[in-house]
N, C-alpha and C. Protein backbone atom coordinates (compact mmCIF):
# COMPACT_ATOMS: atom_id res chain seq x y z
N MET A 1 -32.94 25.70 -35.95
CA MET A 1 -33.70 25.51 -34.74
C MET A 1 -33.73 26.80 -33.94
N LYS A 2 -34.83 27.00 -33.32
CA LYS A 2 -34.98 28.18 -32.48
C LYS A 2 -34.32 27.92 -31.13
N PRO A 3 -33.90 28.98 -30.45
CA PRO A 3 -33.30 28.80 -29.12
C PRO A 3 -34.22 28.09 -28.16
N SER A 4 -35.53 28.32 -28.26
CA SER A 4 -36.47 27.66 -27.35
C SER A 4 -36.55 26.16 -27.65
N ALA A 5 -36.35 25.77 -28.92
CA ALA A 5 -36.37 24.35 -29.28
C ALA A 5 -35.15 23.64 -28.69
N ILE A 6 -33.98 24.28 -28.72
CA ILE A 6 -32.76 23.69 -28.14
C ILE A 6 -32.90 23.58 -26.62
N THR A 7 -33.42 24.62 -26.01
CA THR A 7 -33.62 24.60 -24.56
C THR A 7 -34.62 23.51 -24.19
N GLY A 8 -35.61 23.32 -25.01
CA GLY A 8 -36.63 22.30 -24.75
C GLY A 8 -36.06 20.90 -24.75
N ILE A 9 -35.05 20.65 -25.57
CA ILE A 9 -34.43 19.33 -25.63
C ILE A 9 -33.86 18.96 -24.25
N PHE A 10 -33.28 19.94 -23.59
CA PHE A 10 -32.65 19.67 -22.29
C PHE A 10 -33.61 19.75 -21.10
N THR A 11 -34.66 20.53 -21.23
CA THR A 11 -35.56 20.73 -20.08
C THR A 11 -36.80 19.85 -20.11
N ARG A 12 -37.16 19.32 -21.29
CA ARG A 12 -38.34 18.46 -21.38
C ARG A 12 -38.02 17.11 -20.73
N ASN A 13 -38.91 16.60 -19.93
CA ASN A 13 -38.74 15.32 -19.22
C ASN A 13 -37.46 15.30 -18.38
N LEU A 14 -37.24 16.36 -17.68
CA LEU A 14 -36.01 16.52 -16.89
C LEU A 14 -35.86 15.42 -15.83
N TRP A 15 -36.96 15.03 -15.22
CA TRP A 15 -36.88 14.00 -14.18
C TRP A 15 -36.45 12.66 -14.77
N LEU A 16 -36.87 12.35 -16.01
CA LEU A 16 -36.44 11.10 -16.67
C LEU A 16 -34.95 11.14 -16.98
N LYS A 17 -34.47 12.26 -17.45
CA LYS A 17 -33.05 12.40 -17.77
C LYS A 17 -32.19 12.31 -16.51
N THR A 18 -32.67 12.91 -15.44
CA THR A 18 -31.96 12.83 -14.16
C THR A 18 -31.93 11.40 -13.66
N ALA A 19 -33.03 10.70 -13.75
CA ALA A 19 -33.09 9.30 -13.32
C ALA A 19 -32.15 8.44 -14.16
N ALA A 20 -32.07 8.68 -15.46
CA ALA A 20 -31.18 7.92 -16.34
C ALA A 20 -29.71 8.12 -15.95
N VAL A 21 -29.35 9.36 -15.64
CA VAL A 21 -27.96 9.64 -15.23
C VAL A 21 -27.66 8.95 -13.91
N LEU A 22 -28.57 8.99 -12.95
CA LEU A 22 -28.36 8.33 -11.66
C LEU A 22 -28.22 6.82 -11.82
N ILE A 23 -29.05 6.22 -12.65
CA ILE A 23 -28.95 4.78 -12.90
C ILE A 23 -27.61 4.44 -13.55
N ALA A 24 -27.18 5.27 -14.48
CA ALA A 24 -25.88 5.05 -15.14
C ALA A 24 -24.74 5.12 -14.13
N LEU A 25 -24.80 6.07 -13.20
CA LEU A 25 -23.76 6.19 -12.17
C LEU A 25 -23.74 4.99 -11.23
N VAL A 26 -24.91 4.50 -10.86
CA VAL A 26 -24.98 3.33 -9.99
C VAL A 26 -24.41 2.11 -10.71
N LEU A 27 -24.75 1.91 -11.96
CA LEU A 27 -24.22 0.78 -12.73
C LEU A 27 -22.71 0.89 -12.90
N TRP A 28 -22.21 2.09 -13.16
CA TRP A 28 -20.77 2.30 -13.30
C TRP A 28 -20.05 1.94 -12.00
N ALA A 29 -20.58 2.40 -10.86
CA ALA A 29 -19.96 2.10 -9.57
C ALA A 29 -19.98 0.60 -9.29
N PHE A 30 -21.06 -0.06 -9.65
CA PHE A 30 -21.15 -1.51 -9.45
C PHE A 30 -20.08 -2.24 -10.25
N VAL A 31 -19.90 -1.86 -11.48
CA VAL A 31 -18.91 -2.52 -12.34
C VAL A 31 -17.50 -2.25 -11.82
N ILE A 32 -17.22 -1.04 -11.40
CA ILE A 32 -15.89 -0.68 -10.93
C ILE A 32 -15.54 -1.40 -9.63
N PHE A 33 -16.47 -1.48 -8.69
CA PHE A 33 -16.16 -1.99 -7.36
C PHE A 33 -16.49 -3.46 -7.14
N ARG A 34 -17.08 -4.12 -8.09
CA ARG A 34 -17.46 -5.52 -7.85
C ARG A 34 -16.27 -6.45 -7.86
N ASN A 35 -15.19 -6.11 -8.51
CA ASN A 35 -14.02 -6.97 -8.59
C ASN A 35 -12.98 -6.67 -7.51
N GLN A 36 -13.34 -5.88 -6.51
CA GLN A 36 -12.42 -5.56 -5.44
C GLN A 36 -12.29 -6.75 -4.48
N VAL A 37 -11.05 -7.15 -4.21
CA VAL A 37 -10.80 -8.24 -3.27
C VAL A 37 -9.75 -7.80 -2.26
N GLU A 38 -9.78 -8.42 -1.10
CA GLU A 38 -8.78 -8.18 -0.07
C GLU A 38 -7.87 -9.38 0.02
N VAL A 39 -6.57 -9.11 0.17
CA VAL A 39 -5.57 -10.17 0.29
C VAL A 39 -4.68 -9.83 1.48
N ASN A 40 -4.35 -10.84 2.26
CA ASN A 40 -3.48 -10.66 3.41
C ASN A 40 -2.12 -11.28 3.08
N ILE A 41 -1.04 -10.49 3.22
CA ILE A 41 0.30 -11.00 2.94
C ILE A 41 1.25 -10.63 4.07
N ASN A 42 2.25 -11.46 4.28
CA ASN A 42 3.30 -11.17 5.25
C ASN A 42 4.45 -10.51 4.51
N VAL A 43 4.93 -9.41 5.07
CA VAL A 43 5.97 -8.61 4.42
C VAL A 43 7.15 -8.45 5.37
N ASP A 44 8.34 -8.81 4.90
CA ASP A 44 9.56 -8.60 5.68
C ASP A 44 10.02 -7.16 5.53
N PRO A 45 10.63 -6.59 6.58
CA PRO A 45 11.14 -5.23 6.44
C PRO A 45 12.32 -5.18 5.46
N VAL A 46 12.41 -4.07 4.74
CA VAL A 46 13.56 -3.81 3.86
C VAL A 46 14.25 -2.57 4.43
N PHE A 47 15.51 -2.72 4.81
CA PHE A 47 16.24 -1.65 5.46
C PHE A 47 17.01 -0.81 4.45
N ARG A 48 16.88 0.49 4.59
CA ARG A 48 17.57 1.45 3.73
C ARG A 48 18.46 2.34 4.58
N ASN A 49 19.55 2.78 4.01
CA ASN A 49 20.45 3.76 4.63
C ASN A 49 20.92 3.35 6.02
N VAL A 50 21.37 2.10 6.15
CA VAL A 50 21.94 1.66 7.43
C VAL A 50 23.24 2.43 7.63
N PRO A 51 23.40 3.12 8.77
CA PRO A 51 24.60 3.91 9.00
C PRO A 51 25.87 3.07 8.94
N ALA A 52 26.94 3.68 8.44
CA ALA A 52 28.23 3.00 8.35
C ALA A 52 28.67 2.58 9.75
N GLY A 53 29.19 1.38 9.84
CA GLY A 53 29.68 0.87 11.12
C GLY A 53 28.60 0.20 11.96
N LEU A 54 27.36 0.21 11.49
CA LEU A 54 26.27 -0.45 12.22
C LEU A 54 25.68 -1.57 11.38
N MET A 55 25.03 -2.49 12.06
CA MET A 55 24.32 -3.58 11.38
C MET A 55 23.04 -3.88 12.14
N VAL A 56 22.06 -4.41 11.44
CA VAL A 56 20.81 -4.82 12.07
C VAL A 56 21.04 -6.20 12.67
N ALA A 57 20.97 -6.26 14.00
CA ALA A 57 21.22 -7.52 14.69
C ALA A 57 19.94 -8.33 14.85
N GLU A 58 18.81 -7.63 15.01
CA GLU A 58 17.56 -8.34 15.27
C GLU A 58 16.38 -7.47 14.87
N THR A 59 15.31 -8.11 14.45
CA THR A 59 14.05 -7.44 14.15
C THR A 59 12.93 -8.29 14.76
N ARG A 60 12.11 -7.67 15.59
CA ARG A 60 10.98 -8.37 16.21
C ARG A 60 9.72 -7.57 16.02
N PRO A 61 8.68 -8.14 15.48
CA PRO A 61 8.64 -9.43 14.80
C PRO A 61 9.39 -9.34 13.47
N ARG A 62 9.62 -10.48 12.88
CA ARG A 62 10.40 -10.53 11.63
C ARG A 62 9.63 -9.98 10.43
N SER A 63 8.30 -9.99 10.52
CA SER A 63 7.49 -9.49 9.40
C SER A 63 6.22 -8.85 9.93
N VAL A 64 5.55 -8.11 9.04
CA VAL A 64 4.25 -7.53 9.37
C VAL A 64 3.22 -8.11 8.42
N SER A 65 2.00 -8.19 8.89
CA SER A 65 0.89 -8.69 8.07
C SER A 65 0.16 -7.49 7.48
N VAL A 66 0.10 -7.44 6.16
CA VAL A 66 -0.52 -6.32 5.46
C VAL A 66 -1.74 -6.83 4.70
N THR A 67 -2.89 -6.22 4.98
CA THR A 67 -4.11 -6.54 4.22
C THR A 67 -4.28 -5.45 3.18
N ILE A 68 -4.26 -5.86 1.90
CA ILE A 68 -4.38 -4.92 0.80
C ILE A 68 -5.68 -5.18 0.04
N ILE A 69 -6.12 -4.15 -0.68
CA ILE A 69 -7.35 -4.26 -1.47
C ILE A 69 -7.07 -3.72 -2.86
N GLY A 70 -7.65 -4.39 -3.84
CA GLY A 70 -7.48 -3.96 -5.22
C GLY A 70 -8.30 -4.87 -6.13
N SER A 71 -8.17 -4.65 -7.41
CA SER A 71 -8.91 -5.48 -8.35
C SER A 71 -8.35 -6.90 -8.34
N ALA A 72 -9.22 -7.86 -8.56
CA ALA A 72 -8.81 -9.27 -8.55
C ALA A 72 -7.74 -9.52 -9.60
N ASN A 73 -7.87 -8.87 -10.74
CA ASN A 73 -6.90 -9.03 -11.81
C ASN A 73 -5.52 -8.54 -11.39
N LEU A 74 -5.46 -7.36 -10.79
CA LEU A 74 -4.18 -6.77 -10.37
C LEU A 74 -3.55 -7.58 -9.24
N LEU A 75 -4.32 -7.95 -8.23
CA LEU A 75 -3.76 -8.71 -7.12
C LEU A 75 -3.37 -10.12 -7.53
N GLY A 76 -3.99 -10.65 -8.55
CA GLY A 76 -3.62 -11.98 -9.05
C GLY A 76 -2.25 -12.00 -9.70
N ARG A 77 -1.82 -10.85 -10.22
CA ARG A 77 -0.50 -10.75 -10.87
C ARG A 77 0.58 -10.24 -9.92
N LEU A 78 0.23 -10.03 -8.66
CA LEU A 78 1.15 -9.45 -7.69
C LEU A 78 2.33 -10.38 -7.41
N GLN A 79 3.54 -9.83 -7.44
CA GLN A 79 4.75 -10.58 -7.10
C GLN A 79 5.09 -10.33 -5.64
N SER A 80 5.90 -11.19 -5.04
CA SER A 80 6.25 -11.04 -3.63
C SER A 80 7.06 -9.77 -3.37
N THR A 81 7.76 -9.27 -4.37
CA THR A 81 8.57 -8.05 -4.20
C THR A 81 7.78 -6.77 -4.47
N ASP A 82 6.52 -6.89 -4.86
CA ASP A 82 5.71 -5.70 -5.17
C ASP A 82 5.24 -4.96 -3.93
N VAL A 83 5.19 -5.65 -2.79
CA VAL A 83 4.77 -5.03 -1.53
C VAL A 83 5.93 -5.15 -0.55
N GLN A 84 6.41 -4.00 -0.04
CA GLN A 84 7.56 -3.99 0.86
C GLN A 84 7.33 -3.02 2.01
N PHE A 85 7.84 -3.38 3.16
CA PHE A 85 7.82 -2.51 4.35
C PHE A 85 9.19 -1.84 4.43
N MET A 86 9.26 -0.58 4.01
CA MET A 86 10.52 0.15 3.91
C MET A 86 10.86 0.81 5.25
N ILE A 87 12.06 0.56 5.75
CA ILE A 87 12.53 1.18 6.99
C ILE A 87 13.81 1.95 6.67
N ASN A 88 13.76 3.26 6.88
CA ASN A 88 14.91 4.13 6.64
C ASN A 88 15.64 4.32 7.96
N LEU A 89 16.88 3.87 8.02
CA LEU A 89 17.68 3.95 9.25
C LEU A 89 18.73 5.06 9.17
N LYS A 90 18.52 6.05 8.34
CA LYS A 90 19.50 7.10 8.08
C LYS A 90 20.05 7.75 9.35
N ASP A 91 19.18 8.14 10.26
CA ASP A 91 19.62 8.87 11.45
C ASP A 91 19.67 7.99 12.70
N ALA A 92 19.62 6.68 12.53
CA ALA A 92 19.59 5.77 13.68
C ALA A 92 20.98 5.57 14.26
N GLY A 93 21.01 5.31 15.54
CA GLY A 93 22.26 4.98 16.23
C GLY A 93 22.16 3.59 16.81
N PRO A 94 23.23 3.13 17.46
CA PRO A 94 23.19 1.80 18.05
C PRO A 94 22.12 1.72 19.15
N GLY A 95 21.52 0.55 19.27
CA GLY A 95 20.50 0.34 20.30
C GLY A 95 19.21 -0.20 19.69
N LYS A 96 18.16 -0.13 20.49
CA LYS A 96 16.86 -0.68 20.11
C LYS A 96 15.92 0.47 19.77
N ILE A 97 15.31 0.42 18.58
CA ILE A 97 14.37 1.46 18.18
C ILE A 97 13.06 0.81 17.72
N PHE A 98 11.98 1.55 17.91
CA PHE A 98 10.67 1.08 17.47
C PHE A 98 10.30 1.85 16.20
N VAL A 99 9.95 1.12 15.15
CA VAL A 99 9.57 1.72 13.87
C VAL A 99 8.11 1.39 13.61
N ARG A 100 7.29 2.42 13.50
CA ARG A 100 5.86 2.22 13.24
C ARG A 100 5.65 1.72 11.81
N ALA A 101 4.72 0.80 11.67
CA ALA A 101 4.38 0.25 10.36
C ALA A 101 3.22 1.04 9.78
N LYS A 102 3.50 2.27 9.39
CA LYS A 102 2.46 3.14 8.83
C LYS A 102 2.30 2.83 7.35
N SER A 103 1.12 3.15 6.82
CA SER A 103 0.83 2.82 5.43
C SER A 103 1.75 3.54 4.45
N ASP A 104 2.28 4.72 4.81
CA ASP A 104 3.18 5.40 3.88
C ASP A 104 4.55 4.73 3.81
N ARG A 105 4.83 3.80 4.70
CA ARG A 105 6.09 3.04 4.65
C ARG A 105 5.93 1.73 3.89
N ILE A 106 4.70 1.43 3.48
CA ILE A 106 4.44 0.21 2.73
C ILE A 106 4.46 0.55 1.24
N LYS A 107 5.50 0.07 0.54
CA LYS A 107 5.60 0.29 -0.91
C LYS A 107 4.69 -0.74 -1.57
N ARG A 108 3.87 -0.25 -2.51
CA ARG A 108 2.92 -1.13 -3.18
C ARG A 108 2.63 -0.57 -4.57
N PRO A 109 2.06 -1.40 -5.45
CA PRO A 109 1.71 -0.92 -6.78
C PRO A 109 0.62 0.15 -6.73
N GLN A 110 0.59 0.95 -7.76
CA GLN A 110 -0.46 1.95 -7.89
C GLN A 110 -1.82 1.24 -7.97
N HIS A 111 -2.86 1.85 -7.43
CA HIS A 111 -4.23 1.33 -7.41
C HIS A 111 -4.41 0.16 -6.45
N VAL A 112 -3.46 -0.04 -5.54
CA VAL A 112 -3.61 -1.03 -4.48
C VAL A 112 -3.69 -0.27 -3.17
N GLY A 113 -4.76 -0.50 -2.41
CA GLY A 113 -4.94 0.20 -1.14
C GLY A 113 -4.56 -0.68 0.03
N ILE A 114 -4.32 -0.03 1.16
CA ILE A 114 -3.99 -0.76 2.38
C ILE A 114 -5.18 -0.69 3.32
N VAL A 115 -5.64 -1.86 3.75
CA VAL A 115 -6.75 -1.93 4.69
C VAL A 115 -6.21 -1.89 6.12
N SER A 116 -5.19 -2.71 6.40
CA SER A 116 -4.62 -2.75 7.74
C SER A 116 -3.19 -3.27 7.72
N VAL A 117 -2.45 -2.91 8.76
CA VAL A 117 -1.09 -3.40 8.96
C VAL A 117 -1.00 -3.83 10.42
N THR A 118 -0.62 -5.10 10.66
CA THR A 118 -0.44 -5.58 12.03
C THR A 118 0.87 -6.35 12.13
N PRO A 119 1.58 -6.20 13.18
CA PRO A 119 1.39 -5.30 14.31
C PRO A 119 1.64 -3.85 13.89
N SER A 120 1.49 -2.95 14.84
CA SER A 120 1.62 -1.53 14.52
C SER A 120 3.05 -1.10 14.26
N GLY A 121 4.01 -1.96 14.52
CA GLY A 121 5.41 -1.61 14.27
C GLY A 121 6.33 -2.77 14.61
N VAL A 122 7.63 -2.53 14.43
CA VAL A 122 8.64 -3.54 14.72
C VAL A 122 9.76 -2.92 15.56
N TRP A 123 10.39 -3.74 16.36
CA TRP A 123 11.57 -3.34 17.11
C TRP A 123 12.79 -3.74 16.29
N VAL A 124 13.71 -2.81 16.12
CA VAL A 124 14.94 -3.06 15.37
C VAL A 124 16.11 -2.82 16.32
N VAL A 125 17.01 -3.80 16.40
CA VAL A 125 18.21 -3.68 17.23
C VAL A 125 19.40 -3.45 16.31
N LEU A 126 20.05 -2.30 16.50
CA LEU A 126 21.25 -1.96 15.73
C LEU A 126 22.47 -2.12 16.63
N GLU A 127 23.49 -2.81 16.10
CA GLU A 127 24.74 -3.00 16.83
C GLU A 127 25.90 -2.57 15.96
N LYS A 128 27.05 -2.37 16.60
CA LYS A 128 28.25 -2.05 15.83
C LYS A 128 28.59 -3.25 14.97
N ALA A 129 28.96 -2.99 13.73
CA ALA A 129 29.28 -4.06 12.80
C ALA A 129 30.55 -4.77 13.25
N LYS A 130 30.56 -6.09 13.13
CA LYS A 130 31.73 -6.89 13.49
C LYS A 130 32.66 -6.94 12.29
N PRO A 131 33.97 -6.88 12.52
CA PRO A 131 34.90 -6.95 11.39
C PRO A 131 34.89 -8.34 10.75
N GLY A 132 35.21 -8.37 9.47
CA GLY A 132 35.28 -9.65 8.76
C GLY A 132 34.03 -9.90 7.93
N PRO A 133 34.05 -10.99 7.16
CA PRO A 133 32.89 -11.31 6.31
C PRO A 133 31.69 -11.68 7.17
N GLN A 134 30.52 -11.18 6.74
CA GLN A 134 29.30 -11.43 7.47
C GLN A 134 28.21 -11.86 6.51
N GLU A 135 27.28 -12.60 7.05
CA GLU A 135 26.12 -13.01 6.27
C GLU A 135 25.18 -11.80 6.15
N THR A 136 24.65 -11.56 4.95
CA THR A 136 23.72 -10.46 4.74
C THR A 136 22.33 -10.89 5.19
N PRO A 137 21.75 -10.20 6.18
CA PRO A 137 20.41 -10.58 6.65
C PRO A 137 19.36 -10.38 5.57
N ARG A 138 18.23 -11.06 5.75
CA ARG A 138 17.11 -10.90 4.83
C ARG A 138 16.64 -9.45 4.84
N GLY A 139 16.22 -8.97 3.68
CA GLY A 139 15.64 -7.64 3.59
C GLY A 139 16.65 -6.55 3.27
N PHE A 140 17.90 -6.91 3.05
CA PHE A 140 18.90 -5.91 2.72
C PHE A 140 19.16 -5.90 1.23
N ARG A 141 19.43 -4.71 0.72
CA ARG A 141 19.78 -4.58 -0.71
C ARG A 141 21.00 -3.74 -0.82
């Protein structure tokens, strides 16, 4: 084949080829995004790195409402432990602190997005730990 014949394959009917690629992209996007669903779940905080000698006495509110988006197939297989509101108390001291419920603190499976988190945060009350056996509050590991 001559170089002009090869070039002609790509340049002849260019508008038709461009239209075909655009239609293919629109169809691909439709297939990918048509199975997207939103699910609202309540998530309890999970506390990490509670300082020695302290304990979480109270959390208000007890949970946050997280609206997530993903494929219907993936969200249908979601377990209650797959979405968690992680609170790191490493540098916390005794007293009342406000922890923002930002999306980077919400642990979730890959390919699951966060639409919203309400309320915007939780109040955590830390007190000195009482001696003796104690009940482990929800959300501790």
